[in-house]
Amino acid sequence: MQYGPEFQDTSASLSETLRQLIGNIHGPSVTLRQLMHRIGEQGLLLVCAVAALPFLIPVSIPGVSTVFGAAIILISIAITLNRMPWLPRRILDRPLDTEKLLPALQKGASLVSRLDRYLKPRMTAFTTGTAINRLNGLAITLAGILLMFPLGLIPFSNTLPGIAILLLAAGILQRDGAIVLGGHVFNVITIVYFAALAYAAFSAGQGLASFFS
């Protein structure tokens, strides 16, 4: 399985690869272990891209945030450290309802097809070299942590870091530095958004405290 600070280009488009993977999902449930087995040598970054798809649309699927969020964090840490990832069995083998998961993956892949037209090798200084790819790996880790914040009912709290993960993974896979930079930008936007939410919650709490005091 592909890992480490150097990544190979993919011959097929990202959306085509994702659709092929999604088309091979059958049965009432699927596990992360099965998905990773089907992805095979296409790489760890593709796992991150697949795991980000359900968060691109405002649909809550029980268990997905925990399984996919943890997988993104552990895989991106492995990429940063140039090692194969370690994933706990309860993450790898937790069954996910395909009836709910597949529509989310398919809609996510449709959104990725719009991204495909913009993906091309450019600004490769942001996608090559040990230091840069470790920095990008850390950025995916950060987005995975933001993704797992318990804010699922708040609009865009999962979508923003999901977009960051997808852009970072797709950009590295296709050696598109501009898309990678877009992923970093979405990380910053997510942090600012979360900070604004925290400030609003704090201000509301102060207002209530003043009201009742």
N, C-alpha and C. Protein backbone atom coordinates (compact mmCIF):
# COMPACT_ATOMS: atom_id res chain seq x y z
N MET A 1 0.85 -1.19 0.00
CA MET A 1 0.00 0.00 0.00
C MET A 1 0.88 1.24 0.00
N GLN A 2 0.51 2.24 -0.74
CA GLN A 2 1.32 3.43 -0.91
C GLN A 2 1.33 4.25 0.36
N TYR A 3 2.52 4.70 0.79
CA TYR A 3 2.61 5.58 1.93
C TYR A 3 3.93 6.30 1.87
N GLY A 4 4.17 7.19 2.83
CA GLY A 4 5.43 7.91 2.87
C GLY A 4 5.33 9.28 2.29
N PRO A 5 6.45 10.02 2.27
CA PRO A 5 6.43 11.39 1.83
C PRO A 5 6.39 11.59 0.34
N GLU A 6 6.61 10.56 -0.45
CA GLU A 6 6.55 10.70 -1.91
C GLU A 6 5.35 9.93 -2.44
N PHE A 7 4.58 10.57 -3.32
CA PHE A 7 3.35 9.95 -3.83
C PHE A 7 3.39 9.92 -5.35
N GLN A 8 2.82 8.87 -5.92
CA GLN A 8 2.78 8.71 -7.36
C GLN A 8 1.52 9.33 -7.94
N ASP A 9 1.60 9.75 -9.18
CA ASP A 9 0.42 10.27 -9.86
C ASP A 9 -0.56 9.15 -10.14
N THR A 10 -1.85 9.50 -10.25
CA THR A 10 -2.86 8.52 -10.62
C THR A 10 -3.24 8.73 -12.07
N SER A 11 -3.41 7.65 -12.83
CA SER A 11 -3.74 7.77 -14.25
C SER A 11 -5.21 8.10 -14.45
N ALA A 12 -6.08 7.52 -13.62
CA ALA A 12 -7.52 7.78 -13.74
C ALA A 12 -7.88 9.03 -12.95
N SER A 13 -9.00 9.65 -13.32
CA SER A 13 -9.45 10.81 -12.57
C SER A 13 -9.88 10.38 -11.19
N LEU A 14 -9.86 11.31 -10.25
CA LEU A 14 -10.21 10.98 -8.88
C LEU A 14 -11.66 10.52 -8.77
N SER A 15 -12.57 11.22 -9.44
CA SER A 15 -13.98 10.85 -9.36
C SER A 15 -14.22 9.47 -9.98
N GLU A 16 -13.52 9.15 -11.06
CA GLU A 16 -13.67 7.83 -11.69
C GLU A 16 -13.19 6.73 -10.75
N THR A 17 -12.06 6.96 -10.08
CA THR A 17 -11.54 5.99 -9.13
C THR A 17 -12.50 5.80 -7.97
N LEU A 18 -13.07 6.90 -7.48
CA LEU A 18 -14.01 6.82 -6.36
C LEU A 18 -15.28 6.08 -6.76
N ARG A 19 -15.78 6.36 -7.98
CA ARG A 19 -17.01 5.69 -8.43
C ARG A 19 -16.79 4.19 -8.59
N GLN A 20 -15.61 3.79 -9.07
CA GLN A 20 -15.31 2.37 -9.19
C GLN A 20 -15.30 1.70 -7.82
N LEU A 21 -14.72 2.38 -6.85
CA LEU A 21 -14.68 1.84 -5.50
C LEU A 21 -16.08 1.73 -4.92
N ILE A 22 -16.87 2.79 -5.05
CA ILE A 22 -18.24 2.80 -4.51
C ILE A 22 -19.09 1.72 -5.18
N GLY A 23 -18.88 1.52 -6.49
CA GLY A 23 -19.64 0.51 -7.22
C GLY A 23 -19.38 -0.91 -6.75
N ASN A 24 -18.26 -1.12 -6.06
CA ASN A 24 -17.91 -2.45 -5.58
C ASN A 24 -18.36 -2.70 -4.14
N ILE A 25 -19.10 -1.74 -3.57
CA ILE A 25 -19.61 -1.92 -2.21
C ILE A 25 -20.97 -2.61 -2.28
N HIS A 26 -21.06 -3.77 -1.68
CA HIS A 26 -22.31 -4.55 -1.71
C HIS A 26 -22.64 -5.03 -0.30
N GLY A 27 -23.87 -5.49 -0.11
CA GLY A 27 -24.29 -6.04 1.17
C GLY A 27 -24.89 -4.99 2.07
N PRO A 28 -25.47 -5.42 3.20
CA PRO A 28 -26.15 -4.50 4.12
C PRO A 28 -25.21 -3.59 4.89
N SER A 29 -23.94 -3.98 5.01
CA SER A 29 -22.99 -3.16 5.74
C SER A 29 -21.59 -3.32 5.14
N VAL A 30 -20.73 -2.39 5.49
CA VAL A 30 -19.34 -2.43 5.03
C VAL A 30 -18.47 -1.91 6.15
N THR A 31 -17.24 -2.39 6.23
CA THR A 31 -16.31 -1.93 7.25
C THR A 31 -15.16 -1.16 6.60
N LEU A 32 -14.46 -0.40 7.42
CA LEU A 32 -13.30 0.33 6.91
C LEU A 32 -12.23 -0.63 6.41
N ARG A 33 -12.09 -1.78 7.08
CA ARG A 33 -11.11 -2.78 6.64
C ARG A 33 -11.42 -3.23 5.21
N GLN A 34 -12.70 -3.46 4.92
CA GLN A 34 -13.08 -3.88 3.57
C GLN A 34 -12.80 -2.78 2.55
N LEU A 35 -13.09 -1.53 2.92
CA LEU A 35 -12.82 -0.42 2.00
C LEU A 35 -11.33 -0.31 1.71
N MET A 36 -10.51 -0.42 2.75
CA MET A 36 -9.06 -0.31 2.56
C MET A 36 -8.53 -1.46 1.73
N HIS A 37 -9.12 -2.65 1.91
CA HIS A 37 -8.69 -3.80 1.11
C HIS A 37 -9.01 -3.57 -0.37
N ARG A 38 -10.17 -2.98 -0.66
CA ARG A 38 -10.56 -2.73 -2.05
C ARG A 38 -9.74 -1.61 -2.67
N ILE A 39 -9.33 -0.66 -1.87
CA ILE A 39 -8.48 0.41 -2.39
C ILE A 39 -7.10 -0.12 -2.72
N GLY A 40 -6.58 -0.99 -1.85
CA GLY A 40 -5.32 -1.66 -2.10
C GLY A 40 -4.17 -0.71 -2.33
N GLU A 41 -3.44 -0.91 -3.42
CA GLU A 41 -2.21 -0.17 -3.67
C GLU A 41 -2.45 1.25 -4.17
N GLN A 42 -3.71 1.64 -4.33
CA GLN A 42 -3.96 3.00 -4.80
C GLN A 42 -3.63 4.04 -3.73
N GLY A 43 -3.48 3.61 -2.47
CA GLY A 43 -2.87 4.48 -1.50
C GLY A 43 -3.71 4.97 -0.35
N LEU A 44 -2.98 5.41 0.66
CA LEU A 44 -3.58 5.90 1.88
C LEU A 44 -4.31 7.22 1.66
N LEU A 45 -3.79 8.04 0.77
CA LEU A 45 -4.44 9.33 0.50
C LEU A 45 -5.84 9.13 -0.07
N LEU A 46 -6.01 8.09 -0.87
CA LEU A 46 -7.33 7.81 -1.43
C LEU A 46 -8.29 7.40 -0.32
N VAL A 47 -7.79 6.69 0.71
CA VAL A 47 -8.63 6.35 1.85
C VAL A 47 -9.13 7.63 2.52
N CYS A 48 -8.23 8.61 2.68
CA CYS A 48 -8.63 9.89 3.28
C CYS A 48 -9.68 10.59 2.42
N ALA A 49 -9.50 10.55 1.11
CA ALA A 49 -10.46 11.20 0.21
C ALA A 49 -11.83 10.53 0.32
N VAL A 50 -11.85 9.20 0.35
CA VAL A 50 -13.11 8.47 0.48
C VAL A 50 -13.77 8.78 1.82
N ALA A 51 -12.97 8.81 2.89
CA ALA A 51 -13.50 9.06 4.22
C ALA A 51 -14.07 10.47 4.35
N ALA A 52 -13.60 11.40 3.52
CA ALA A 52 -14.08 12.78 3.59
C ALA A 52 -15.42 12.96 2.86
N LEU A 53 -15.75 12.05 1.93
CA LEU A 53 -16.94 12.24 1.09
C LEU A 53 -18.24 12.41 1.87
N PRO A 54 -18.52 11.57 2.89
CA PRO A 54 -19.82 11.72 3.57
C PRO A 54 -20.01 13.07 4.26
N PHE A 55 -18.91 13.79 4.49
CA PHE A 55 -19.01 15.06 5.21
C PHE A 55 -19.18 16.25 4.27
N LEU A 56 -19.19 16.00 2.97
CA LEU A 56 -19.36 17.08 2.02
C LEU A 56 -20.82 17.48 1.86
N ILE A 57 -21.71 16.66 2.37
CA ILE A 57 -23.14 16.94 2.29
C ILE A 57 -23.73 16.93 3.70
N PRO A 58 -24.79 17.70 3.95
CA PRO A 58 -25.35 17.81 5.31
C PRO A 58 -26.21 16.60 5.71
N VAL A 59 -25.56 15.43 5.80
CA VAL A 59 -26.26 14.21 6.19
C VAL A 59 -25.52 13.59 7.36
N SER A 60 -26.24 13.26 8.42
CA SER A 60 -25.63 12.63 9.59
C SER A 60 -25.84 11.12 9.51
N ILE A 61 -24.74 10.37 9.47
CA ILE A 61 -24.80 8.90 9.41
C ILE A 61 -24.19 8.35 10.68
N PRO A 62 -24.96 7.62 11.49
CA PRO A 62 -24.46 7.11 12.77
C PRO A 62 -23.16 6.33 12.62
N GLY A 63 -22.16 6.69 13.44
CA GLY A 63 -20.90 5.96 13.47
C GLY A 63 -19.86 6.41 12.47
N VAL A 64 -20.27 7.09 11.41
CA VAL A 64 -19.33 7.46 10.35
C VAL A 64 -18.31 8.47 10.83
N SER A 65 -18.74 9.48 11.58
CA SER A 65 -17.81 10.51 12.04
C SER A 65 -16.70 9.91 12.89
N THR A 66 -17.05 8.98 13.77
CA THR A 66 -16.05 8.34 14.63
C THR A 66 -15.09 7.48 13.83
N VAL A 67 -15.64 6.61 12.98
CA VAL A 67 -14.81 5.67 12.22
C VAL A 67 -13.94 6.39 11.20
N PHE A 68 -14.55 7.21 10.36
CA PHE A 68 -13.79 7.88 9.31
C PHE A 68 -12.89 8.97 9.86
N GLY A 69 -13.38 9.70 10.87
CA GLY A 69 -12.54 10.74 11.47
C GLY A 69 -11.28 10.17 12.10
N ALA A 70 -11.43 9.10 12.89
CA ALA A 70 -10.27 8.46 13.52
C ALA A 70 -9.33 7.89 12.47
N ALA A 71 -9.90 7.29 11.41
CA ALA A 71 -9.06 6.73 10.34
C ALA A 71 -8.25 7.81 9.66
N ILE A 72 -8.87 8.95 9.37
CA ILE A 72 -8.16 10.06 8.72
C ILE A 72 -7.00 10.53 9.59
N ILE A 73 -7.24 10.68 10.90
CA ILE A 73 -6.19 11.15 11.80
C ILE A 73 -5.02 10.16 11.85
N LEU A 74 -5.32 8.88 12.05
CA LEU A 74 -4.26 7.88 12.19
C LEU A 74 -3.50 7.67 10.88
N ILE A 75 -4.22 7.68 9.76
CA ILE A 75 -3.56 7.50 8.46
C ILE A 75 -2.68 8.70 8.14
N SER A 76 -3.17 9.91 8.40
CA SER A 76 -2.37 11.11 8.10
C SER A 76 -1.14 11.19 9.00
N ILE A 77 -1.26 10.73 10.24
CA ILE A 77 -0.08 10.67 11.11
C ILE A 77 0.94 9.70 10.53
N ALA A 78 0.46 8.56 10.03
CA ALA A 78 1.36 7.57 9.42
C ALA A 78 2.06 8.15 8.19
N ILE A 79 1.31 8.91 7.38
CA ILE A 79 1.89 9.55 6.20
C ILE A 79 2.97 10.54 6.63
N THR A 80 2.68 11.31 7.68
CA THR A 80 3.63 12.30 8.17
C THR A 80 4.92 11.64 8.66
N LEU A 81 4.77 10.49 9.33
CA LEU A 81 5.92 9.80 9.91
C LEU A 81 6.54 8.79 8.96
N ASN A 82 5.99 8.68 7.72
CA ASN A 82 6.51 7.74 6.72
C ASN A 82 6.43 6.30 7.23
N ARG A 83 5.26 5.93 7.76
CA ARG A 83 5.05 4.59 8.27
C ARG A 83 3.68 4.08 7.84
N MET A 84 3.52 2.76 7.89
CA MET A 84 2.19 2.19 7.67
C MET A 84 1.32 2.53 8.88
N PRO A 85 0.03 2.80 8.66
CA PRO A 85 -0.82 3.20 9.78
C PRO A 85 -1.21 2.04 10.67
N TRP A 86 -1.39 2.35 11.96
CA TRP A 86 -1.99 1.40 12.89
C TRP A 86 -3.40 1.87 13.17
N LEU A 87 -4.36 0.97 12.97
CA LEU A 87 -5.76 1.30 13.21
C LEU A 87 -6.35 0.25 14.15
N PRO A 88 -7.01 0.67 15.23
CA PRO A 88 -7.61 -0.30 16.16
C PRO A 88 -8.71 -1.12 15.49
N ARG A 89 -8.88 -2.34 15.97
CA ARG A 89 -9.85 -3.25 15.37
C ARG A 89 -11.28 -2.70 15.41
N ARG A 90 -11.62 -2.00 16.49
CA ARG A 90 -12.99 -1.48 16.61
C ARG A 90 -13.28 -0.40 15.57
N ILE A 91 -12.23 0.25 15.06
CA ILE A 91 -12.39 1.22 13.97
C ILE A 91 -12.45 0.49 12.64
N LEU A 92 -11.56 -0.48 12.45
CA LEU A 92 -11.49 -1.22 11.19
C LEU A 92 -12.72 -2.07 10.93
N ASP A 93 -13.25 -2.67 11.98
CA ASP A 93 -14.30 -3.68 11.81
C ASP A 93 -15.68 -3.22 12.25
N ARG A 94 -15.86 -1.95 12.53
CA ARG A 94 -17.19 -1.47 12.90
C ARG A 94 -18.07 -1.42 11.66
N PRO A 95 -19.20 -2.13 11.64
CA PRO A 95 -20.05 -2.15 10.43
C PRO A 95 -20.76 -0.82 10.23
N LEU A 96 -20.78 -0.37 8.98
CA LEU A 96 -21.47 0.85 8.60
C LEU A 96 -22.61 0.50 7.66
N ASP A 97 -23.77 1.08 7.89
CA ASP A 97 -24.97 0.79 7.12
C ASP A 97 -24.81 1.30 5.68
N THR A 98 -24.71 0.37 4.72
CA THR A 98 -24.50 0.78 3.33
C THR A 98 -25.70 1.52 2.76
N GLU A 99 -26.91 1.22 3.27
CA GLU A 99 -28.10 1.90 2.76
C GLU A 99 -28.02 3.41 3.00
N LYS A 100 -27.39 3.80 4.10
CA LYS A 100 -27.23 5.22 4.40
C LYS A 100 -25.90 5.76 3.89
N LEU A 101 -24.86 4.93 3.90
CA LEU A 101 -23.53 5.38 3.51
C LEU A 101 -23.39 5.58 2.01
N LEU A 102 -23.91 4.64 1.21
CA LEU A 102 -23.72 4.69 -0.24
C LEU A 102 -24.26 5.98 -0.87
N PRO A 103 -25.50 6.42 -0.54
CA PRO A 103 -25.97 7.68 -1.14
C PRO A 103 -25.06 8.86 -0.82
N ALA A 104 -24.52 8.90 0.41
CA ALA A 104 -23.62 9.99 0.79
C ALA A 104 -22.32 9.92 -0.01
N LEU A 105 -21.78 8.71 -0.18
CA LEU A 105 -20.56 8.54 -0.97
C LEU A 105 -20.79 8.92 -2.43
N GLN A 106 -21.95 8.52 -2.98
CA GLN A 106 -22.25 8.81 -4.37
C GLN A 106 -22.41 10.31 -4.61
N LYS A 107 -23.09 10.99 -3.69
CA LYS A 107 -23.24 12.44 -3.83
C LYS A 107 -21.89 13.14 -3.68
N GLY A 108 -21.08 12.62 -2.75
CA GLY A 108 -19.74 13.18 -2.58
C GLY A 108 -18.89 13.00 -3.83
N ALA A 109 -18.99 11.82 -4.46
CA ALA A 109 -18.24 11.56 -5.69
C ALA A 109 -18.71 12.49 -6.82
N SER A 110 -20.00 12.79 -6.85
CA SER A 110 -20.52 13.72 -7.86
C SER A 110 -19.92 15.12 -7.67
N LEU A 111 -19.75 15.51 -6.41
CA LEU A 111 -19.11 16.80 -6.15
C LEU A 111 -17.64 16.78 -6.56
N VAL A 112 -16.98 15.63 -6.34
CA VAL A 112 -15.58 15.50 -6.72
C VAL A 112 -15.41 15.60 -8.24
N SER A 113 -16.42 15.12 -8.99
CA SER A 113 -16.33 15.19 -10.45
C SER A 113 -16.22 16.64 -10.93
N ARG A 114 -16.81 17.56 -10.17
CA ARG A 114 -16.67 18.98 -10.51
C ARG A 114 -15.25 19.47 -10.23
N LEU A 115 -14.63 18.88 -9.21
CA LEU A 115 -13.25 19.25 -8.88
C LEU A 115 -12.27 18.74 -9.91
N ASP A 116 -12.59 17.59 -10.55
CA ASP A 116 -11.68 16.96 -11.50
C ASP A 116 -11.23 17.90 -12.61
N ARG A 117 -12.13 18.74 -13.08
CA ARG A 117 -11.79 19.61 -14.22
C ARG A 117 -10.72 20.63 -13.87
N TYR A 118 -10.53 20.85 -12.56
CA TYR A 118 -9.52 21.83 -12.14
C TYR A 118 -8.21 21.19 -11.70
N LEU A 119 -8.22 19.86 -11.52
CA LEU A 119 -7.03 19.16 -11.05
C LEU A 119 -6.02 18.98 -12.18
N LYS A 120 -4.80 19.44 -11.97
CA LYS A 120 -3.72 19.26 -12.93
C LYS A 120 -2.39 19.53 -12.23
N PRO A 121 -1.32 18.92 -12.70
CA PRO A 121 -0.01 19.17 -12.07
C PRO A 121 0.39 20.64 -12.21
N ARG A 122 0.61 21.30 -11.09
CA ARG A 122 1.04 22.71 -11.08
C ARG A 122 1.53 23.05 -9.67
N MET A 123 2.34 24.07 -9.58
CA MET A 123 2.86 24.52 -8.29
C MET A 123 3.36 23.32 -7.48
N THR A 124 4.15 22.46 -8.15
CA THR A 124 4.55 21.18 -7.54
C THR A 124 5.47 21.36 -6.34
N ALA A 125 5.95 22.56 -6.11
CA ALA A 125 6.77 22.80 -4.91
C ALA A 125 5.97 22.54 -3.64
N PHE A 126 4.62 22.61 -3.75
CA PHE A 126 3.76 22.39 -2.59
C PHE A 126 3.29 20.94 -2.47
N THR A 127 3.80 20.06 -3.35
CA THR A 127 3.38 18.65 -3.29
C THR A 127 4.54 17.67 -3.32
N THR A 128 5.76 18.16 -3.39
CA THR A 128 6.90 17.25 -3.47
C THR A 128 7.93 17.60 -2.40
N GLY A 129 8.69 16.60 -2.02
CA GLY A 129 9.71 16.79 -1.00
C GLY A 129 9.24 16.31 0.36
N THR A 130 10.17 15.79 1.13
CA THR A 130 9.84 15.21 2.44
C THR A 130 9.20 16.23 3.37
N ALA A 131 9.80 17.40 3.49
CA ALA A 131 9.29 18.40 4.44
C ALA A 131 7.89 18.86 4.07
N ILE A 132 7.67 19.13 2.77
CA ILE A 132 6.36 19.62 2.33
C ILE A 132 5.29 18.56 2.54
N ASN A 133 5.58 17.32 2.18
CA ASN A 133 4.56 16.28 2.32
C ASN A 133 4.28 15.96 3.78
N ARG A 134 5.26 16.12 4.64
CA ARG A 134 4.99 15.95 6.06
C ARG A 134 4.13 17.10 6.58
N LEU A 135 4.38 18.30 6.09
CA LEU A 135 3.54 19.44 6.46
C LEU A 135 2.10 19.20 5.99
N ASN A 136 1.95 18.71 4.76
CA ASN A 136 0.60 18.42 4.24
C ASN A 136 -0.07 17.30 5.04
N GLY A 137 0.72 16.31 5.46
CA GLY A 137 0.18 15.24 6.29
C GLY A 137 -0.33 15.77 7.62
N LEU A 138 0.41 16.70 8.21
CA LEU A 138 -0.02 17.31 9.46
C LEU A 138 -1.30 18.13 9.26
N ALA A 139 -1.41 18.75 8.09
CA ALA A 139 -2.62 19.53 7.78
C ALA A 139 -3.84 18.61 7.70
N ILE A 140 -3.68 17.41 7.12
CA ILE A 140 -4.78 16.45 7.07
C ILE A 140 -5.12 15.99 8.49
N THR A 141 -4.09 15.78 9.32
CA THR A 141 -4.33 15.39 10.71
C THR A 141 -5.15 16.46 11.43
N LEU A 142 -4.76 17.73 11.24
CA LEU A 142 -5.49 18.83 11.86
C LEU A 142 -6.95 18.85 11.41
N ALA A 143 -7.17 18.67 10.10
CA ALA A 143 -8.54 18.66 9.58
C ALA A 143 -9.33 17.50 10.15
N GLY A 144 -8.68 16.34 10.33
CA GLY A 144 -9.35 15.19 10.92
C GLY A 144 -9.76 15.45 12.36
N ILE A 145 -8.89 16.13 13.11
CA ILE A 145 -9.23 16.49 14.49
C ILE A 145 -10.40 17.46 14.52
N LEU A 146 -10.38 18.46 13.64
CA LEU A 146 -11.48 19.42 13.56
C LEU A 146 -12.78 18.72 13.17
N LEU A 147 -12.65 17.70 12.31
CA LEU A 147 -13.81 16.95 11.86
C LEU A 147 -14.50 16.21 13.00
N MET A 148 -13.72 15.80 13.99
CA MET A 148 -14.26 15.00 15.09
C MET A 148 -14.78 15.85 16.25
N PHE A 149 -14.69 17.17 16.14
CA PHE A 149 -15.28 18.01 17.17
C PHE A 149 -16.78 17.69 17.28
N PRO A 150 -17.31 17.63 18.48
CA PRO A 150 -18.73 17.26 18.66
C PRO A 150 -19.68 18.40 18.31
N LEU A 151 -19.65 18.82 17.04
CA LEU A 151 -20.48 19.93 16.59
C LEU A 151 -21.33 19.53 15.40
N GLY A 152 -21.67 18.24 15.30
CA GLY A 152 -22.34 17.72 14.11
C GLY A 152 -23.64 18.40 13.75
N LEU A 153 -24.35 18.95 14.76
CA LEU A 153 -25.64 19.59 14.48
C LEU A 153 -25.50 21.04 14.03
N ILE A 154 -24.28 21.58 14.10
CA ILE A 154 -24.05 22.97 13.68
C ILE A 154 -23.68 22.98 12.20
N PRO A 155 -24.35 23.82 11.40
CA PRO A 155 -24.08 23.85 9.96
C PRO A 155 -22.60 24.09 9.64
N PHE A 156 -22.10 23.34 8.68
CA PHE A 156 -20.74 23.46 8.13
C PHE A 156 -19.63 22.99 9.08
N SER A 157 -19.97 22.53 10.30
CA SER A 157 -18.92 22.12 11.23
C SER A 157 -18.18 20.87 10.75
N ASN A 158 -18.85 20.01 10.01
CA ASN A 158 -18.19 18.84 9.40
C ASN A 158 -17.80 19.10 7.95
N THR A 159 -18.57 19.92 7.27
CA THR A 159 -18.34 20.16 5.84
C THR A 159 -17.01 20.87 5.58
N LEU A 160 -16.70 21.90 6.37
CA LEU A 160 -15.48 22.68 6.14
C LEU A 160 -14.21 21.84 6.28
N PRO A 161 -14.03 21.10 7.39
CA PRO A 161 -12.83 20.25 7.47
C PRO A 161 -12.86 19.10 6.46
N GLY A 162 -14.09 18.63 6.10
CA GLY A 162 -14.19 17.59 5.08
C GLY A 162 -13.66 18.07 3.74
N ILE A 163 -13.99 19.31 3.39
CA ILE A 163 -13.48 19.90 2.15
C ILE A 163 -11.96 20.04 2.22
N ALA A 164 -11.44 20.46 3.39
CA ALA A 164 -9.99 20.60 3.55
C ALA A 164 -9.29 19.27 3.30
N ILE A 165 -9.82 18.19 3.89
CA ILE A 165 -9.22 16.86 3.72
C ILE A 165 -9.25 16.43 2.26
N LEU A 166 -10.40 16.62 1.61
CA LEU A 166 -10.52 16.22 0.21
C LEU A 166 -9.54 16.99 -0.68
N LEU A 167 -9.45 18.30 -0.48
CA LEU A 167 -8.55 19.11 -1.30
C LEU A 167 -7.09 18.74 -1.07
N LEU A 168 -6.72 18.52 0.18
CA LEU A 168 -5.34 18.14 0.47
C LEU A 168 -5.00 16.79 -0.14
N ALA A 169 -5.88 15.80 0.06
CA ALA A 169 -5.61 14.46 -0.47
C ALA A 169 -5.59 14.46 -2.00
N ALA A 170 -6.59 15.12 -2.61
CA ALA A 170 -6.66 15.16 -4.07
C ALA A 170 -5.48 15.92 -4.65
N GLY A 171 -5.13 17.02 -4.02
CA GLY A 171 -4.01 17.82 -4.52
C GLY A 171 -2.70 17.08 -4.48
N ILE A 172 -2.45 16.34 -3.39
CA ILE A 172 -1.21 15.57 -3.30
C ILE A 172 -1.21 14.44 -4.31
N LEU A 173 -2.36 13.74 -4.44
CA LEU A 173 -2.44 12.64 -5.40
C LEU A 173 -2.18 13.09 -6.82
N GLN A 174 -2.71 14.26 -7.19
CA GLN A 174 -2.60 14.75 -8.56
C GLN A 174 -1.47 15.78 -8.72
N ARG A 175 -0.67 15.97 -7.68
CA ARG A 175 0.44 16.92 -7.70
C ARG A 175 -0.03 18.33 -8.08
N ASP A 176 -1.14 18.72 -7.51
CA ASP A 176 -1.72 20.04 -7.78
C ASP A 176 -1.52 20.92 -6.54
N GLY A 177 -0.47 21.75 -6.56
CA GLY A 177 -0.15 22.58 -5.42
C GLY A 177 -1.22 23.62 -5.12
N ALA A 178 -1.90 24.09 -6.15
CA ALA A 178 -2.96 25.09 -5.94
C ALA A 178 -4.10 24.50 -5.13
N ILE A 179 -4.48 23.26 -5.44
CA ILE A 179 -5.56 22.59 -4.70
C ILE A 179 -5.11 22.29 -3.27
N VAL A 180 -3.84 21.92 -3.10
CA VAL A 180 -3.30 21.69 -1.75
C VAL A 180 -3.38 22.97 -0.93
N LEU A 181 -3.00 24.09 -1.53
CA LEU A 181 -3.10 25.37 -0.83
C LEU A 181 -4.55 25.67 -0.45
N GLY A 182 -5.47 25.31 -1.34
CA GLY A 182 -6.89 25.47 -1.03
C GLY A 182 -7.28 24.67 0.21
N GLY A 183 -6.71 23.48 0.36
CA GLY A 183 -6.97 22.68 1.55
C GLY A 183 -6.48 23.36 2.81
N HIS A 184 -5.29 23.96 2.74
CA HIS A 184 -4.77 24.70 3.90
C HIS A 184 -5.67 25.89 4.22
N VAL A 185 -6.16 26.56 3.19
CA VAL A 185 -7.05 27.70 3.40
C VAL A 185 -8.32 27.27 4.12
N PHE A 186 -8.87 26.13 3.71
CA PHE A 186 -10.10 25.65 4.37
C PHE A 186 -9.84 25.24 5.81
N ASN A 187 -8.63 24.79 6.12
CA ASN A 187 -8.29 24.53 7.52
C ASN A 187 -8.35 25.83 8.33
N VAL A 188 -7.79 26.89 7.76
CA VAL A 188 -7.80 28.19 8.44
C VAL A 188 -9.24 28.68 8.60
N ILE A 189 -10.04 28.54 7.54
CA ILE A 189 -11.44 28.97 7.60
C ILE A 189 -12.18 28.19 8.70
N THR A 190 -11.91 26.88 8.81
CA THR A 190 -12.56 26.06 9.83
C THR A 190 -12.19 26.54 11.23
N ILE A 191 -10.90 26.82 11.44
CA ILE A 191 -10.45 27.28 12.75
C ILE A 191 -11.11 28.62 13.10
N VAL A 192 -11.16 29.53 12.15
CA VAL A 192 -11.81 30.83 12.38
C VAL A 192 -13.29 30.64 12.69
N TYR A 193 -13.94 29.75 11.95
CA TYR A 193 -15.37 29.48 12.15
C TYR A 193 -15.62 28.90 13.54
N PHE A 194 -14.80 27.94 13.95
CA PHE A 194 -14.95 27.34 15.27
C PHE A 194 -14.68 28.37 16.37
N ALA A 195 -13.69 29.23 16.14
CA ALA A 195 -13.39 30.27 17.12
C ALA A 195 -14.57 31.23 17.25
N ALA A 196 -15.20 31.56 16.13
CA ALA A 196 -16.37 32.44 16.16
C ALA A 196 -17.53 31.77 16.91
N LEU A 197 -17.72 30.47 16.71
CA LEU A 197 -18.76 29.74 17.44
C LEU A 197 -18.48 29.74 18.94
N ALA A 198 -17.22 29.53 19.29
CA ALA A 198 -16.85 29.51 20.71
C ALA A 198 -17.08 30.89 21.34
N TYR A 199 -16.71 31.93 20.59
CA TYR A 199 -16.90 33.29 21.11
C TYR A 199 -18.39 33.61 21.27
N ALA A 200 -19.19 33.18 20.28
CA ALA A 200 -20.64 33.42 20.36
C ALA A 200 -21.25 32.67 21.55
N ALA A 201 -20.80 31.44 21.77
CA ALA A 201 -21.31 30.66 22.91
C ALA A 201 -20.90 31.30 24.23
N PHE A 202 -19.65 31.77 24.29
CA PHE A 202 -19.17 32.43 25.51
C PHE A 202 -19.94 33.71 25.78
N SER A 203 -20.17 34.50 24.72
CA SER A 203 -20.91 35.75 24.88
C SER A 203 -22.35 35.49 25.33
N ALA A 204 -22.96 34.45 24.74
CA ALA A 204 -24.33 34.10 25.13
C ALA A 204 -24.37 33.66 26.59
N GLY A 205 -23.37 32.90 27.01
CA GLY A 205 -23.30 32.46 28.41
C GLY A 205 -23.14 33.64 29.36
N GLN A 206 -22.29 34.60 28.97
CA GLN A 206 -22.09 35.79 29.79
C GLN A 206 -23.39 36.60 29.89
N GLY A 207 -24.10 36.67 28.74
CA GLY A 207 -25.36 37.42 28.73
C GLY A 207 -26.39 36.78 29.64
N LEU A 208 -26.48 35.44 29.61
CA LEU A 208 -27.42 34.74 30.47
C LEU A 208 -27.05 34.90 31.94
N ALA A 209 -25.74 34.85 32.21
CA ALA A 209 -25.28 35.00 33.59
C ALA A 209 -25.65 36.39 34.11
N SER A 210 -25.49 37.42 33.27
CA SER A 210 -25.82 38.79 33.66
C SER A 210 -27.31 38.95 33.88
N PHE A 211 -28.10 38.26 33.02
CA PHE A 211 -29.55 38.36 33.11
C PHE A 211 -30.07 37.79 34.43
N PHE A 212 -29.51 36.66 34.84
CA PHE A 212 -30.02 35.99 36.03
C PHE A 212 -29.33 36.46 37.33
N SER A 213 -28.29 37.26 37.19
CA SER A 213 -27.60 37.73 38.39
C SER A 213 -28.25 38.98 38.96
